[in-house]
mmCIF file of all heavy atoms, coordinates in Angstrom:
data_MODEL
# 
_entry.id   MODEL 
# 
loop_
_atom_site.group_PDB 
_atom_site.id 
_atom_site.type_symbol 
_atom_site.label_atom_id 
_atom_site.label_alt_id 
_atom_site.label_comp_id 
_atom_site.label_asym_id 
_atom_site.label_entity_id 
_atom_site.label_seq_id 
_atom_site.pdbx_PDB_ins_code 
_atom_site.Cartn_x 
_atom_site.Cartn_y 
_atom_site.Cartn_z 
_atom_site.occupancy 
_atom_site.B_iso_or_equiv 
_atom_site.pdbx_formal_charge 
_atom_site.auth_seq_id 
_atom_site.auth_comp_id 
_atom_site.auth_asym_id 
_atom_site.auth_atom_id 
_atom_site.pdbx_PDB_model_num 
ATOM 1   N N   . ILE A 1 1  ? 0.838   -1.207  0.000   1.00 0.00 ? 1  ILE A N   1 
ATOM 2   C CA  . ILE A 1 1  ? 0.000   0.000   0.000   1.00 0.00 ? 1  ILE A CA  1 
ATOM 3   C C   . ILE A 1 1  ? 0.870   1.253   0.000   1.00 0.00 ? 1  ILE A C   1 
ATOM 4   O O   . ILE A 1 1  ? 0.550   2.243   -0.662  1.00 0.00 ? 1  ILE A O   1 
ATOM 5   C CB  . ILE A 1 1  ? -0.951  -0.021  1.212   1.00 0.00 ? 1  ILE A CB  1 
ATOM 6   C CG1 . ILE A 1 1  ? -1.976  -1.139  1.043   1.00 0.00 ? 1  ILE A CG1 1 
ATOM 7   C CG2 . ILE A 1 1  ? -1.659  1.316   1.377   1.00 0.00 ? 1  ILE A CG2 1 
ATOM 8   C CD1 . ILE A 1 1  ? -2.783  -1.418  2.297   1.00 0.00 ? 1  ILE A CD1 1 
ATOM 9   N N   . ASP A 1 2  ? 1.963   1.231   0.770   1.00 0.00 ? 2  ASP A N   1 
ATOM 10  C CA  . ASP A 1 2  ? 2.855   2.395   0.810   1.00 0.00 ? 2  ASP A CA  1 
ATOM 11  C C   . ASP A 1 2  ? 3.628   2.575   -0.497  1.00 0.00 ? 2  ASP A C   1 
ATOM 12  O O   . ASP A 1 2  ? 4.102   3.667   -0.802  1.00 0.00 ? 2  ASP A O   1 
ATOM 13  C CB  . ASP A 1 2  ? 3.841   2.265   1.981   1.00 0.00 ? 2  ASP A CB  1 
ATOM 14  C CG  . ASP A 1 2  ? 3.208   2.634   3.316   1.00 0.00 ? 2  ASP A CG  1 
ATOM 15  O OD1 . ASP A 1 2  ? 2.275   3.454   3.309   1.00 0.00 ? 2  ASP A OD1 1 
ATOM 16  O OD2 . ASP A 1 2  ? 3.632   2.102   4.353   1.00 0.00 ? 2  ASP A OD2 1 
ATOM 17  N N   . ARG A 1 3  ? 3.770   1.499   -1.288  1.00 0.00 ? 3  ARG A N   1 
ATOM 18  C CA  . ARG A 1 3  ? 4.531   1.584   -2.531  1.00 0.00 ? 3  ARG A CA  1 
ATOM 19  C C   . ARG A 1 3  ? 3.653   1.791   -3.755  1.00 0.00 ? 3  ARG A C   1 
ATOM 20  O O   . ARG A 1 3  ? 4.036   2.491   -4.689  1.00 0.00 ? 3  ARG A O   1 
ATOM 21  C CB  . ARG A 1 3  ? 5.341   0.299   -2.726  1.00 0.00 ? 3  ARG A CB  1 
ATOM 22  C CG  . ARG A 1 3  ? 6.437   0.079   -1.706  1.00 0.00 ? 3  ARG A CG  1 
ATOM 23  C CD  . ARG A 1 3  ? 7.235   -1.165  -2.058  1.00 0.00 ? 3  ARG A CD  1 
ATOM 24  N NE  . ARG A 1 3  ? 8.212   -1.502  -1.037  1.00 0.00 ? 3  ARG A NE  1 
ATOM 25  C CZ  . ARG A 1 3  ? 9.156   -2.418  -1.197  1.00 0.00 ? 3  ARG A CZ  1 
ATOM 26  N NH1 . ARG A 1 3  ? 9.254   -3.088  -2.317  1.00 0.00 ? 3  ARG A NH1 1 
ATOM 27  N NH2 . ARG A 1 3  ? 10.014  -2.685  -0.226  1.00 0.00 ? 3  ARG A NH2 1 
ATOM 28  N N   . TYR A 1 4  ? 2.500   1.122   -3.784  1.00 0.00 ? 4  TYR A N   1 
ATOM 29  C CA  . TYR A 1 4  ? 1.687   1.097   -5.002  1.00 0.00 ? 4  TYR A CA  1 
ATOM 30  C C   . TYR A 1 4  ? 0.236   1.459   -4.695  1.00 0.00 ? 4  TYR A C   1 
ATOM 31  O O   . TYR A 1 4  ? -0.231  1.349   -3.575  1.00 0.00 ? 4  TYR A O   1 
ATOM 32  C CB  . TYR A 1 4  ? 1.719   -0.301  -5.639  1.00 0.00 ? 4  TYR A CB  1 
ATOM 33  C CG  . TYR A 1 4  ? 3.085   -0.885  -5.803  1.00 0.00 ? 4  TYR A CG  1 
ATOM 34  C CD1 . TYR A 1 4  ? 3.508   -1.960  -5.019  1.00 0.00 ? 4  TYR A CD1 1 
ATOM 35  C CD2 . TYR A 1 4  ? 3.989   -0.378  -6.741  1.00 0.00 ? 4  TYR A CD2 1 
ATOM 36  C CE1 . TYR A 1 4  ? 4.772   -2.503  -5.150  1.00 0.00 ? 4  TYR A CE1 1 
ATOM 37  C CE2 . TYR A 1 4  ? 5.259   -0.916  -6.884  1.00 0.00 ? 4  TYR A CE2 1 
ATOM 38  C CZ  . TYR A 1 4  ? 5.644   -1.981  -6.091  1.00 0.00 ? 4  TYR A CZ  1 
ATOM 39  O OH  . TYR A 1 4  ? 6.897   -2.514  -6.219  1.00 0.00 ? 4  TYR A OH  1 
ATOM 40  N N   . THR A 1 5  ? -0.458  1.854   -5.723  1.00 0.00 ? 5  THR A N   1 
ATOM 41  C CA  . THR A 1 5  ? -1.907  2.036   -5.645  1.00 0.00 ? 5  THR A CA  1 
ATOM 42  C C   . THR A 1 5  ? -2.516  1.543   -6.949  1.00 0.00 ? 5  THR A C   1 
ATOM 43  O O   . THR A 1 5  ? -1.970  1.791   -8.030  1.00 0.00 ? 5  THR A O   1 
ATOM 44  C CB  . THR A 1 5  ? -2.297  3.516   -5.404  1.00 0.00 ? 5  THR A CB  1 
ATOM 45  O OG1 . THR A 1 5  ? -3.712  3.626   -5.334  1.00 0.00 ? 5  THR A OG1 1 
ATOM 46  C CG2 . THR A 1 5  ? -1.771  4.422   -6.503  1.00 0.00 ? 5  THR A CG2 1 
ATOM 47  N N   . PRO A 1 6  ? -3.633  0.812   -6.873  1.00 0.00 ? 6  PRO A N   1 
ATOM 48  C CA  . PRO A 1 6  ? -4.237  0.255   -8.095  1.00 0.00 ? 6  PRO A CA  1 
ATOM 49  C C   . PRO A 1 6  ? -4.748  1.316   -9.067  1.00 0.00 ? 6  PRO A C   1 
ATOM 50  O O   . PRO A 1 6  ? -4.931  1.043   -10.248 1.00 0.00 ? 6  PRO A O   1 
ATOM 51  C CB  . PRO A 1 6  ? -5.405  -0.581  -7.552  1.00 0.00 ? 6  PRO A CB  1 
ATOM 52  C CG  . PRO A 1 6  ? -5.047  -0.860  -6.133  1.00 0.00 ? 6  PRO A CG  1 
ATOM 53  C CD  . PRO A 1 6  ? -4.310  0.356   -5.667  1.00 0.00 ? 6  PRO A CD  1 
ATOM 54  N N   . GLU A 1 7  ? -5.003  2.524   -8.554  1.00 0.00 ? 7  GLU A N   1 
ATOM 55  C CA  . GLU A 1 7  ? -5.511  3.596   -9.413  1.00 0.00 ? 7  GLU A CA  1 
ATOM 56  C C   . GLU A 1 7  ? -4.760  4.882   -9.097  1.00 0.00 ? 7  GLU A C   1 
ATOM 57  O O   . GLU A 1 7  ? -4.165  5.021   -8.037  1.00 0.00 ? 7  GLU A O   1 
ATOM 58  C CB  . GLU A 1 7  ? -7.015  3.811   -9.170  1.00 0.00 ? 7  GLU A CB  1 
ATOM 59  C CG  . GLU A 1 7  ? -7.886  2.629   -9.552  1.00 0.00 ? 7  GLU A CG  1 
ATOM 60  C CD  . GLU A 1 7  ? -9.358  2.888   -9.221  1.00 0.00 ? 7  GLU A CD  1 
ATOM 61  O OE1 . GLU A 1 7  ? -9.637  3.905   -8.563  1.00 0.00 ? 7  GLU A OE1 1 
ATOM 62  O OE2 . GLU A 1 7  ? -10.199 2.084   -9.626  1.00 0.00 ? 7  GLU A OE2 1 
ATOM 63  N N   . LYS A 1 8  ? -4.822  5.833   -10.000 1.00 0.00 ? 8  LYS A N   1 
ATOM 64  C CA  . LYS A 1 8  ? -4.222  7.138   -9.749  1.00 0.00 ? 8  LYS A CA  1 
ATOM 65  C C   . LYS A 1 8  ? -5.068  7.893   -8.725  1.00 0.00 ? 8  LYS A C   1 
ATOM 66  O O   . LYS A 1 8  ? -6.283  7.793   -8.713  1.00 0.00 ? 8  LYS A O   1 
ATOM 67  C CB  . LYS A 1 8  ? -4.125  7.944   -11.045 1.00 0.00 ? 8  LYS A CB  1 
ATOM 68  C CG  . LYS A 1 8  ? -3.103  7.396   -12.046 1.00 0.00 ? 8  LYS A CG  1 
ATOM 69  C CD  . LYS A 1 8  ? -3.003  8.301   -13.264 1.00 0.00 ? 8  LYS A CD  1 
ATOM 70  C CE  . LYS A 1 8  ? -1.941  7.762   -14.238 1.00 0.00 ? 8  LYS A CE  1 
ATOM 71  N NZ  . LYS A 1 8  ? -1.817  8.640   -15.430 1.00 0.00 ? 8  LYS A NZ  1 
ATOM 72  N N   . GLY A 1 9  ? -4.374  8.656   -7.881  1.00 0.00 ? 9  GLY A N   1 
ATOM 73  C CA  . GLY A 1 9  ? -5.109  9.485   -6.932  1.00 0.00 ? 9  GLY A CA  1 
ATOM 74  C C   . GLY A 1 9  ? -5.053  8.918   -5.532  1.00 0.00 ? 9  GLY A C   1 
ATOM 75  O O   . GLY A 1 9  ? -4.006  8.917   -4.889  1.00 0.00 ? 9  GLY A O   1 
ATOM 76  N N   . ASP A 1 10 ? -6.180  8.443   -5.051  1.00 0.00 ? 10 ASP A N   1 
ATOM 77  C CA  . ASP A 1 10 ? -6.285  7.985   -3.672  1.00 0.00 ? 10 ASP A CA  1 
ATOM 78  C C   . ASP A 1 10 ? -5.358  6.807   -3.392  1.00 0.00 ? 10 ASP A C   1 
ATOM 79  O O   . ASP A 1 10 ? -5.153  5.930   -4.238  1.00 0.00 ? 10 ASP A O   1 
ATOM 80  C CB  . ASP A 1 10 ? -7.728  7.578   -3.355  1.00 0.00 ? 10 ASP A CB  1 
ATOM 81  C CG  . ASP A 1 10 ? -8.661  8.779   -3.355  1.00 0.00 ? 10 ASP A CG  1 
ATOM 82  O OD1 . ASP A 1 10 ? -8.255  9.839   -2.850  1.00 0.00 ? 10 ASP A OD1 1 
ATOM 83  O OD2 . ASP A 1 10 ? -9.785  8.644   -3.862  1.00 0.00 ? 10 ASP A OD2 1 
ATOM 84  N N   . LYS A 1 11 ? -4.844  6.780   -2.166  1.00 0.00 ? 11 LYS A N   1 
ATOM 85  C CA  . LYS A 1 11 ? -3.886  5.756   -1.770  1.00 0.00 ? 11 LYS A CA  1 
ATOM 86  C C   . LYS A 1 11 ? -4.556  4.492   -1.243  1.00 0.00 ? 11 LYS A C   1 
ATOM 87  O O   . LYS A 1 11 ? -4.097  3.382   -1.495  1.00 0.00 ? 11 LYS A O   1 
ATOM 88  C CB  . LYS A 1 11 ? -2.954  6.333   -0.699  1.00 0.00 ? 11 LYS A CB  1 
ATOM 89  C CG  . LYS A 1 11 ? -1.889  5.371   -0.193  1.00 0.00 ? 11 LYS A CG  1 
ATOM 90  C CD  . LYS A 1 11 ? -0.959  6.080   0.791   1.00 0.00 ? 11 LYS A CD  1 
ATOM 91  C CE  . LYS A 1 11 ? 0.148   5.147   1.279   1.00 0.00 ? 11 LYS A CE  1 
ATOM 92  N NZ  . LYS A 1 11 ? 1.072   5.830   2.223   1.00 0.00 ? 11 LYS A NZ  1 
ATOM 93  N N   . PHE A 1 12 ? -5.670  4.664   -0.495  1.00 0.00 ? 12 PHE A N   1 
ATOM 94  C CA  . PHE A 1 12 ? -6.259  3.534   0.218   1.00 0.00 ? 12 PHE A CA  1 
ATOM 95  C C   . PHE A 1 12 ? -7.575  3.024   -0.373  1.00 0.00 ? 12 PHE A C   1 
ATOM 96  O O   . PHE A 1 12 ? -7.859  1.829   -0.347  1.00 0.00 ? 12 PHE A O   1 
ATOM 97  C CB  . PHE A 1 12 ? -6.496  3.913   1.687   1.00 0.00 ? 12 PHE A CB  1 
ATOM 98  C CG  . PHE A 1 12 ? -5.239  4.302   2.420   1.00 0.00 ? 12 PHE A CG  1 
ATOM 99  C CD1 . PHE A 1 12 ? -5.068  5.592   2.887   1.00 0.00 ? 12 PHE A CD1 1 
ATOM 100 C CD2 . PHE A 1 12 ? -4.233  3.382   2.629   1.00 0.00 ? 12 PHE A CD2 1 
ATOM 101 C CE1 . PHE A 1 12 ? -3.914  5.954   3.563   1.00 0.00 ? 12 PHE A CE1 1 
ATOM 102 C CE2 . PHE A 1 12 ? -3.065  3.729   3.303   1.00 0.00 ? 12 PHE A CE2 1 
ATOM 103 C CZ  . PHE A 1 12 ? -2.910  5.027   3.766   1.00 0.00 ? 12 PHE A CZ  1 
ATOM 104 N N   . LYS A 1 13 ? -8.389  3.925   -0.892  1.00 0.00 ? 13 LYS A N   1 
ATOM 105 C CA  . LYS A 1 13 ? -9.743  3.544   -1.324  1.00 0.00 ? 13 LYS A CA  1 
ATOM 106 C C   . LYS A 1 13 ? -9.771  2.475   -2.417  1.00 0.00 ? 13 LYS A C   1 
ATOM 107 O O   . LYS A 1 13 ? -10.634 1.583   -2.382  1.00 0.00 ? 13 LYS A O   1 
ATOM 108 C CB  . LYS A 1 13 ? -10.518 4.789   -1.763  1.00 0.00 ? 13 LYS A CB  1 
ATOM 109 C CG  . LYS A 1 13 ? -10.953 5.640   -0.593  1.00 0.00 ? 13 LYS A CG  1 
ATOM 110 C CD  . LYS A 1 13 ? -11.409 7.048   -0.963  1.00 0.00 ? 13 LYS A CD  1 
ATOM 111 C CE  . LYS A 1 13 ? -12.239 7.150   -2.179  1.00 0.00 ? 13 LYS A CE  1 
ATOM 112 N NZ  . LYS A 1 13 ? -12.711 8.524   -2.435  1.00 0.00 ? 13 LYS A NZ  1 
ATOM 113 N N   . PRO A 1 14 ? -8.866  2.502   -3.406  1.00 0.00 ? 14 PRO A N   1 
ATOM 114 C CA  . PRO A 1 14 ? -8.927  1.451   -4.443  1.00 0.00 ? 14 PRO A CA  1 
ATOM 115 C C   . PRO A 1 14 ? -8.748  0.037   -3.889  1.00 0.00 ? 14 PRO A C   1 
ATOM 116 O O   . PRO A 1 14 ? -9.366  -0.908  -4.383  1.00 0.00 ? 14 PRO A O   1 
ATOM 117 C CB  . PRO A 1 14 ? -7.767  1.828   -5.378  1.00 0.00 ? 14 PRO A CB  1 
ATOM 118 C CG  . PRO A 1 14 ? -7.567  3.287   -5.174  1.00 0.00 ? 14 PRO A CG  1 
ATOM 119 C CD  . PRO A 1 14 ? -7.856  3.519   -3.736  1.00 0.00 ? 14 PRO A CD  1 
ATOM 120 N N   . TRP A 1 15 ? -7.903  -0.115  -2.858  1.00 0.00 ? 15 TRP A N   1 
ATOM 121 C CA  . TRP A 1 15 ? -7.709  -1.431  -2.255  1.00 0.00 ? 15 TRP A CA  1 
ATOM 122 C C   . TRP A 1 15 ? -9.007  -1.944  -1.638  1.00 0.00 ? 15 TRP A C   1 
ATOM 123 O O   . TRP A 1 15 ? -9.332  -3.129  -1.728  1.00 0.00 ? 15 TRP A O   1 
ATOM 124 C CB  . TRP A 1 15 ? -6.616  -1.363  -1.186  1.00 0.00 ? 15 TRP A CB  1 
ATOM 125 C CG  . TRP A 1 15 ? -5.247  -1.119  -1.745  1.00 0.00 ? 15 TRP A CG  1 
ATOM 126 C CD1 . TRP A 1 15 ? -4.661  0.094   -1.977  1.00 0.00 ? 15 TRP A CD1 1 
ATOM 127 C CD2 . TRP A 1 15 ? -4.295  -2.102  -2.144  1.00 0.00 ? 15 TRP A CD2 1 
ATOM 128 N NE1 . TRP A 1 15 ? -3.396  -0.075  -2.499  1.00 0.00 ? 15 TRP A NE1 1 
ATOM 129 C CE2 . TRP A 1 15 ? -3.143  -1.416  -2.609  1.00 0.00 ? 15 TRP A CE2 1 
ATOM 130 C CE3 . TRP A 1 15 ? -4.293  -3.501  -2.156  1.00 0.00 ? 15 TRP A CE3 1 
ATOM 131 C CZ2 . TRP A 1 15 ? -2.013  -2.069  -3.076  1.00 0.00 ? 15 TRP A CZ2 1 
ATOM 132 C CZ3 . TRP A 1 15 ? -3.167  -4.161  -2.618  1.00 0.00 ? 15 TRP A CZ3 1 
ATOM 133 C CH2 . TRP A 1 15 ? -2.042  -3.448  -3.068  1.00 0.00 ? 15 TRP A CH2 1 
ATOM 134 N N   . ILE A 1 16 ? -9.749  -1.044  -1.018  1.00 0.00 ? 16 ILE A N   1 
ATOM 135 C CA  . ILE A 1 16 ? -11.019 -1.423  -0.385  1.00 0.00 ? 16 ILE A CA  1 
ATOM 136 C C   . ILE A 1 16 ? -12.050 -1.774  -1.450  1.00 0.00 ? 16 ILE A C   1 
ATOM 137 O O   . ILE A 1 16 ? -12.805 -2.747  -1.315  1.00 0.00 ? 16 ILE A O   1 
ATOM 138 C CB  . ILE A 1 16 ? -11.531 -0.276  0.508   1.00 0.00 ? 16 ILE A CB  1 
ATOM 139 C CG1 . ILE A 1 16 ? -10.490 0.063   1.583   1.00 0.00 ? 16 ILE A CG1 1 
ATOM 140 C CG2 . ILE A 1 16 ? -12.870 -0.636  1.144   1.00 0.00 ? 16 ILE A CG2 1 
ATOM 141 C CD1 . ILE A 1 16 ? -10.799 1.334   2.361   1.00 0.00 ? 16 ILE A CD1 1 
ATOM 142 N N   . LYS A 1 17 ? -12.073 -0.987  -2.532  1.00 0.00 ? 17 LYS A N   1 
ATOM 143 C CA  . LYS A 1 17 ? -13.074 -1.188  -3.585  1.00 0.00 ? 17 LYS A CA  1 
ATOM 144 C C   . LYS A 1 17 ? -12.970 -2.568  -4.214  1.00 0.00 ? 17 LYS A C   1 
ATOM 145 O O   . LYS A 1 17 ? -13.972 -3.277  -4.379  1.00 0.00 ? 17 LYS A O   1 
ATOM 146 C CB  . LYS A 1 17 ? -12.924 -0.096  -4.655  1.00 0.00 ? 17 LYS A CB  1 
ATOM 147 C CG  . LYS A 1 17 ? -13.920 -0.243  -5.809  1.00 0.00 ? 17 LYS A CG  1 
ATOM 148 C CD  . LYS A 1 17 ? -13.923 1.001   -6.680  1.00 0.00 ? 17 LYS A CD  1 
ATOM 149 C CE  . LYS A 1 17 ? -12.608 1.198   -7.404  1.00 0.00 ? 17 LYS A CE  1 
ATOM 150 N NZ  . LYS A 1 17 ? -12.671 2.318   -8.372  1.00 0.00 ? 17 LYS A NZ  1 
ATOM 151 N N   . TYR A 1 18 ? -11.750 -2.973  -4.561  1.00 0.00 ? 18 TYR A N   1 
ATOM 152 C CA  . TYR A 1 18 ? -11.576 -4.260  -5.230  1.00 0.00 ? 18 TYR A CA  1 
ATOM 153 C C   . TYR A 1 18 ? -11.495 -5.419  -4.228  1.00 0.00 ? 18 TYR A C   1 
ATOM 154 O O   . TYR A 1 18 ? -11.999 -6.510  -4.480  1.00 0.00 ? 18 TYR A O   1 
ATOM 155 C CB  . TYR A 1 18 ? -10.314 -4.228  -6.104  1.00 0.00 ? 18 TYR A CB  1 
ATOM 156 C CG  . TYR A 1 18 ? -10.378 -3.182  -7.197  1.00 0.00 ? 18 TYR A CG  1 
ATOM 157 C CD1 . TYR A 1 18 ? -9.463  -2.131  -7.244  1.00 0.00 ? 18 TYR A CD1 1 
ATOM 158 C CD2 . TYR A 1 18 ? -11.363 -3.243  -8.178  1.00 0.00 ? 18 TYR A CD2 1 
ATOM 159 C CE1 . TYR A 1 18 ? -9.517  -1.169  -8.247  1.00 0.00 ? 18 TYR A CE1 1 
ATOM 160 C CE2 . TYR A 1 18 ? -11.428 -2.287  -9.185  1.00 0.00 ? 18 TYR A CE2 1 
ATOM 161 C CZ  . TYR A 1 18 ? -10.504 -1.247  -9.216  1.00 0.00 ? 18 TYR A CZ  1 
ATOM 162 O OH  . TYR A 1 18 ? -10.577 -0.296  -10.198 1.00 0.00 ? 18 TYR A OH  1 
ATOM 163 N N   . GLY A 1 19 ? -10.855 -5.162  -3.100  1.00 0.00 ? 19 GLY A N   1 
ATOM 164 C CA  . GLY A 1 19 ? -10.700 -6.222  -2.103  1.00 0.00 ? 19 GLY A CA  1 
ATOM 165 C C   . GLY A 1 19 ? -12.008 -6.623  -1.463  1.00 0.00 ? 19 GLY A C   1 
ATOM 166 O O   . GLY A 1 19 ? -12.196 -7.783  -1.071  1.00 0.00 ? 19 GLY A O   1 
ATOM 167 N N   . GLY A 1 20 ? -12.954 -5.682  -1.346  1.00 0.00 ? 20 GLY A N   1 
ATOM 168 C CA  . GLY A 1 20 ? -14.233 -5.977  -0.704  1.00 0.00 ? 20 GLY A CA  1 
ATOM 169 C C   . GLY A 1 20 ? -15.025 -7.053  -1.426  1.00 0.00 ? 20 GLY A C   1 
ATOM 170 O O   . GLY A 1 20 ? -15.722 -7.868  -0.796  1.00 0.00 ? 20 GLY A O   1 
ATOM 171 N N   . ILE A 1 21 ? -14.940 -7.071  -2.745  1.00 0.00 ? 21 ILE A N   1 
ATOM 172 C CA  . ILE A 1 21 ? -15.665 -8.075  -3.536  1.00 0.00 ? 21 ILE A CA  1 
ATOM 173 C C   . ILE A 1 21 ? -15.119 -9.465  -3.261  1.00 0.00 ? 21 ILE A C   1 
ATOM 174 O O   . ILE A 1 21 ? -15.865 -10.424 -3.038  1.00 0.00 ? 21 ILE A O   1 
ATOM 175 C CB  . ILE A 1 21 ? -15.567 -7.739  -5.040  1.00 0.00 ? 21 ILE A CB  1 
ATOM 176 C CG1 . ILE A 1 21 ? -16.219 -6.374  -5.320  1.00 0.00 ? 21 ILE A CG1 1 
ATOM 177 C CG2 . ILE A 1 21 ? -16.222 -8.838  -5.872  1.00 0.00 ? 21 ILE A CG2 1 
ATOM 178 C CD1 . ILE A 1 21 ? -16.018 -5.876  -6.734  1.00 0.00 ? 21 ILE A CD1 1 
ATOM 179 N N   . VAL A 1 22 ? -13.782 -9.584  -3.248  1.00 0.00 ? 22 VAL A N   1 
ATOM 180 C CA  . VAL A 1 22 ? -13.150 -10.881 -3.003  1.00 0.00 ? 22 VAL A CA  1 
ATOM 181 C C   . VAL A 1 22 ? -13.410 -11.345 -1.574  1.00 0.00 ? 22 VAL A C   1 
ATOM 182 O O   . VAL A 1 22 ? -13.609 -12.530 -1.307  1.00 0.00 ? 22 VAL A O   1 
ATOM 183 C CB  . VAL A 1 22 ? -11.637 -10.803 -3.273  1.00 0.00 ? 22 VAL A CB  1 
ATOM 184 C CG1 . VAL A 1 22 ? -10.997 -12.162 -3.118  1.00 0.00 ? 22 VAL A CG1 1 
ATOM 185 C CG2 . VAL A 1 22 ? -11.371 -10.243 -4.665  1.00 0.00 ? 22 VAL A CG2 1 
ATOM 186 N N   . LEU A 1 23 ? -13.437 -10.399 -0.623  1.00 0.00 ? 23 LEU A N   1 
ATOM 187 C CA  . LEU A 1 23 ? -13.688 -10.736 0.775   1.00 0.00 ? 23 LEU A CA  1 
ATOM 188 C C   . LEU A 1 23 ? -15.071 -11.354 0.947   1.00 0.00 ? 23 LEU A C   1 
ATOM 189 O O   . LEU A 1 23 ? -15.239 -12.319 1.706   1.00 0.00 ? 23 LEU A O   1 
ATOM 190 C CB  . LEU A 1 23 ? -13.550 -9.488  1.649   1.00 0.00 ? 23 LEU A CB  1 
ATOM 191 C CG  . LEU A 1 23 ? -13.873 -9.659  3.130   1.00 0.00 ? 23 LEU A CG  1 
ATOM 192 C CD1 . LEU A 1 23 ? -12.928 -10.679 3.768   1.00 0.00 ? 23 LEU A CD1 1 
ATOM 193 C CD2 . LEU A 1 23 ? -13.787 -8.323  3.856   1.00 0.00 ? 23 LEU A CD2 1 
ATOM 194 N N   . ALA A 1 24 ? -16.056 -10.813 0.259   1.00 0.00 ? 24 ALA A N   1 
ATOM 195 C CA  . ALA A 1 24 ? -17.410 -11.354 0.350   1.00 0.00 ? 24 ALA A CA  1 
ATOM 196 C C   . ALA A 1 24 ? -17.462 -12.806 -0.129  1.00 0.00 ? 24 ALA A C   1 
ATOM 197 O O   . ALA A 1 24 ? -18.119 -13.662 0.474   1.00 0.00 ? 24 ALA A O   1 
ATOM 198 C CB  . ALA A 1 24 ? -18.371 -10.493 -0.463  1.00 0.00 ? 24 ALA A CB  1 
ATOM 199 N N   . PHE A 1 25 ? -16.754 -13.084 -1.217  1.00 0.00 ? 25 PHE A N   1 
ATOM 200 C CA  . PHE A 1 25 ? -16.690 -14.455 -1.733  1.00 0.00 ? 25 PHE A CA  1 
ATOM 201 C C   . PHE A 1 25 ? -15.993 -15.380 -0.736  1.00 0.00 ? 25 PHE A C   1 
ATOM 202 O O   . PHE A 1 25 ? -16.440 -16.505 -0.487  1.00 0.00 ? 25 PHE A O   1 
ATOM 203 C CB  . PHE A 1 25 ? -15.944 -14.475 -3.068  1.00 0.00 ? 25 PHE A CB  1 
ATOM 204 C CG  . PHE A 1 25 ? -15.611 -15.855 -3.569  1.00 0.00 ? 25 PHE A CG  1 
ATOM 205 C CD1 . PHE A 1 25 ? -16.579 -16.644 -4.168  1.00 0.00 ? 25 PHE A CD1 1 
ATOM 206 C CD2 . PHE A 1 25 ? -14.323 -16.363 -3.415  1.00 0.00 ? 25 PHE A CD2 1 
ATOM 207 C CE1 . PHE A 1 25 ? -16.264 -17.927 -4.624  1.00 0.00 ? 25 PHE A CE1 1 
ATOM 208 C CE2 . PHE A 1 25 ? -14.011 -17.639 -3.862  1.00 0.00 ? 25 PHE A CE2 1 
ATOM 209 C CZ  . PHE A 1 25 ? -14.983 -18.422 -4.463  1.00 0.00 ? 25 PHE A CZ  1 
ATOM 210 N N   . ALA A 1 26 ? -14.894 -14.912 -0.145  1.00 0.00 ? 26 ALA A N   1 
ATOM 211 C CA  . ALA A 1 26 ? -14.118 -15.736 0.782   1.00 0.00 ? 26 ALA A CA  1 
ATOM 212 C C   . ALA A 1 26 ? -14.923 -16.084 2.029   1.00 0.00 ? 26 ALA A C   1 
ATOM 213 O O   . ALA A 1 26 ? -14.791 -17.182 2.580   1.00 0.00 ? 26 ALA A O   1 
ATOM 214 C CB  . ALA A 1 26 ? -12.833 -15.006 1.169   1.00 0.00 ? 26 ALA A CB  1 
ATOM 215 N N   . SER A 1 27 ? -15.775 -15.160 2.485   1.00 0.00 ? 27 SER A N   1 
ATOM 216 C CA  . SER A 1 27 ? -16.609 -15.424 3.662   1.00 0.00 ? 27 SER A CA  1 
ATOM 217 C C   . SER A 1 27 ? -17.578 -16.566 3.407   1.00 0.00 ? 27 SER A C   1 
ATOM 218 O O   . SER A 1 27 ? -17.819 -17.409 4.284   1.00 0.00 ? 27 SER A O   1 
ATOM 219 C CB  . SER A 1 27 ? -17.387 -14.162 4.052   1.00 0.00 ? 27 SER A CB  1 
ATOM 220 O OG  . SER A 1 27 ? -16.513 -13.106 4.365   1.00 0.00 ? 27 SER A OG  1 
# 
Protein backbone atom coordinates (compact mmCIF):
# COMPACT_ATOMS: atom_id res chain seq x y z
CA ILE A 1 0.00 0.00 0.00
CA ASP A 2 2.85 2.39 0.81
CA ARG A 3 4.53 1.58 -2.53
CA TYR A 4 1.69 1.10 -5.00
CA THR A 5 -1.91 2.04 -5.65
CA PRO A 6 -4.24 0.26 -8.09
CA GLU A 7 -5.51 3.60 -9.41
CA LYS A 8 -4.22 7.14 -9.75
CA GLY A 9 -5.11 9.49 -6.93
CA ASP A 10 -6.29 7.99 -3.67
CA LYS A 11 -3.89 5.76 -1.77
CA PHE A 12 -6.26 3.53 0.22
CA LYS A 13 -9.74 3.54 -1.32
CA PRO A 14 -8.93 1.45 -4.44
CA TRP A 15 -7.71 -1.43 -2.26
CA ILE A 16 -11.02 -1.42 -0.39
CA LYS A 17 -13.07 -1.19 -3.58
CA TYR A 18 -11.58 -4.26 -5.23
CA GLY A 19 -10.70 -6.22 -2.10
CA GLY A 20 -14.23 -5.98 -0.70
CA ILE A 21 -15.67 -8.08 -3.54
CA VAL A 22 -13.15 -10.88 -3.00
CA LEU A 23 -13.69 -10.74 0.78
CA ALA A 24 -17.41 -11.35 0.35
CA PHE A 25 -16.69 -14.45 -1.73
CA ALA A 26 -14.12 -15.74 0.78
CA SER A 27 -16.61 -15.42 3.66
